[in-house]
Protein backbone atom coordinates (compact mmCIF):
# COMPACT_ATOMS: atom_id res chain seq x y z
CA MET A 1 -44.58 235.51 372.88
CA LEU A 2 -41.62 235.81 375.25
CA GLY A 3 -43.71 237.85 377.69
CA PHE A 4 -46.38 235.17 377.64
CA ILE A 5 -43.83 232.46 378.49
CA LEU A 6 -42.26 234.59 381.23
CA GLY A 7 -45.71 235.18 382.67
CA LEU A 8 -46.27 231.45 383.00
CA VAL A 9 -43.15 231.00 385.12
CA ASN A 10 -43.64 234.22 387.09
CA PRO A 11 -43.22 233.73 390.87
CA THR A 12 -46.23 235.95 391.56
CA VAL A 13 -48.40 233.19 390.12
CA LEU A 14 -47.94 231.62 393.55
CA ILE A 15 -50.67 233.94 394.86
CA TYR A 16 -53.00 232.59 392.18
CA TRP A 17 -52.29 229.00 393.18
CA ILE A 18 -52.79 229.78 396.87
CA LEU A 19 -56.19 231.31 396.12
CA VAL A 20 -57.29 228.39 393.93
CA ILE A 21 -56.24 225.74 396.42
CA SER A 22 -57.78 227.61 399.36
CA PHE A 23 -61.03 227.93 397.40
CA LEU A 24 -61.02 224.21 396.69
CA SER A 25 -60.27 223.45 400.33
CA LYS A 26 -63.28 225.49 401.43
CA LYS A 27 -65.42 223.45 399.05
CA ARG A 28 -64.05 220.27 400.67
CA LEU A 29 -62.25 219.21 397.52
CA TYR A 30 -58.72 218.39 398.64
CA LEU A 31 -56.13 217.68 395.97
CA SER A 32 -53.70 214.93 396.75
CA LEU A 33 -52.18 211.97 394.98
CA ASN A 34 -54.78 209.74 396.63
CA LYS A 35 -57.48 211.30 394.43
CA GLU A 36 -58.17 210.06 390.97
CA TYR A 37 -55.55 211.10 388.48
CA LEU A 38 -58.24 212.30 386.10
CA LEU A 39 -59.43 214.84 388.68
CA LEU A 40 -55.87 216.12 389.18
CA ILE A 41 -55.25 216.34 385.44
CA LEU A 42 -58.53 218.21 384.90
CA PHE A 43 -57.68 220.63 387.72
CA LEU A 44 -54.22 221.37 386.34
CA LEU A 45 -55.55 221.70 382.79
CA GLY A 46 -58.28 224.09 383.93
CA ALA A 47 -55.81 226.18 385.93
CA PHE A 48 -53.43 226.32 382.96
CA ILE A 49 -56.15 227.35 380.52
CA GLY A 50 -57.46 229.98 382.93
CA LYS A 51 -54.00 231.42 383.46
CA ALA A 52 -53.20 231.35 379.75
CA LEU A 53 -56.42 233.22 378.91
CA THR A 54 -55.73 235.77 381.63
CA LEU A 55 -52.22 236.43 380.33
CA TYR A 56 -53.55 236.68 376.77
CA GLY A 57 -56.12 239.23 377.93
CA TYR A 58 -53.40 241.24 379.69
CA GLY A 59 -51.39 241.30 376.46
CA LYS A 60 -54.33 242.50 374.39
CA PHE A 61 -55.23 245.15 376.98
CA SER A 62 -51.64 246.41 377.04
CA ASN A 63 -51.74 246.97 373.26
CA VAL A 64 -54.94 249.03 373.63
CA LEU A 65 -53.43 250.98 376.50
CA LYS A 66 -50.22 251.67 374.55
CA ALA A 67 -52.23 252.99 371.62
CA ARG A 68 -54.22 255.36 373.84
CA LEU A 69 -51.22 256.66 375.78
CA LYS A 70 -48.84 256.95 372.81
CA ASN A 71 -48.59 260.76 372.95
CA LYS A 72 -48.51 261.01 376.73
CA THR A 73 -45.65 258.58 377.40
CA THR A 74 -42.91 261.04 376.44
CA ARG A 75 -44.21 263.62 378.90
CA ILE A 76 -44.63 261.00 381.65
CA ASN A 77 -41.10 259.70 381.07
CA THR A 78 -39.74 263.26 381.26
CA ILE A 79 -41.51 263.88 384.56
CA ILE A 80 -40.34 260.59 386.05
CA GLY A 81 -36.76 261.21 384.86
CA THR A 82 -36.74 264.69 386.37
CA LEU A 83 -38.04 263.36 389.68
CA LEU A 84 -35.40 260.63 389.76
CA ILE A 85 -32.62 263.14 389.05
CA CYS A 86 -33.90 265.45 391.83
CA ILE A 87 -34.07 262.55 394.28
CA SER A 88 -30.54 261.43 393.36
CA ILE A 89 -29.18 264.95 393.86
CA PHE A 90 -30.90 265.14 397.24
CA GLN A 91 -29.52 261.73 398.28
CA PHE A 92 -26.03 262.65 397.07
CA SER A 93 -26.06 265.90 399.03
CA LYS A 94 -27.43 264.11 402.07
CA ILE A 95 -24.49 261.69 402.03
CA PHE A 96 -21.81 264.38 401.92
CA TYR A 97 -23.36 267.20 403.96
CA TYR A 98 -25.05 265.37 406.84
């Protein structure tokens, strides 16, 4: 539930809003306070429901993905950890020997 709430206030949602508003602008439907309040409320409600359903779908898909990759995550984490240690050793030696 916390991830769902954090997803709603995520700054990357800005891209979503830019796309929605640009789509509406192309269709000659400009949103402003001069429009009817019902139209604005319906727009915001539709955007909220669409975003909520998208985030819910992401959550369900992540559970399926976790179940499929359960045995492989330990190996992937080991590989990533080894790479990070090698990169840190290289960076450390680069600082002192160059």
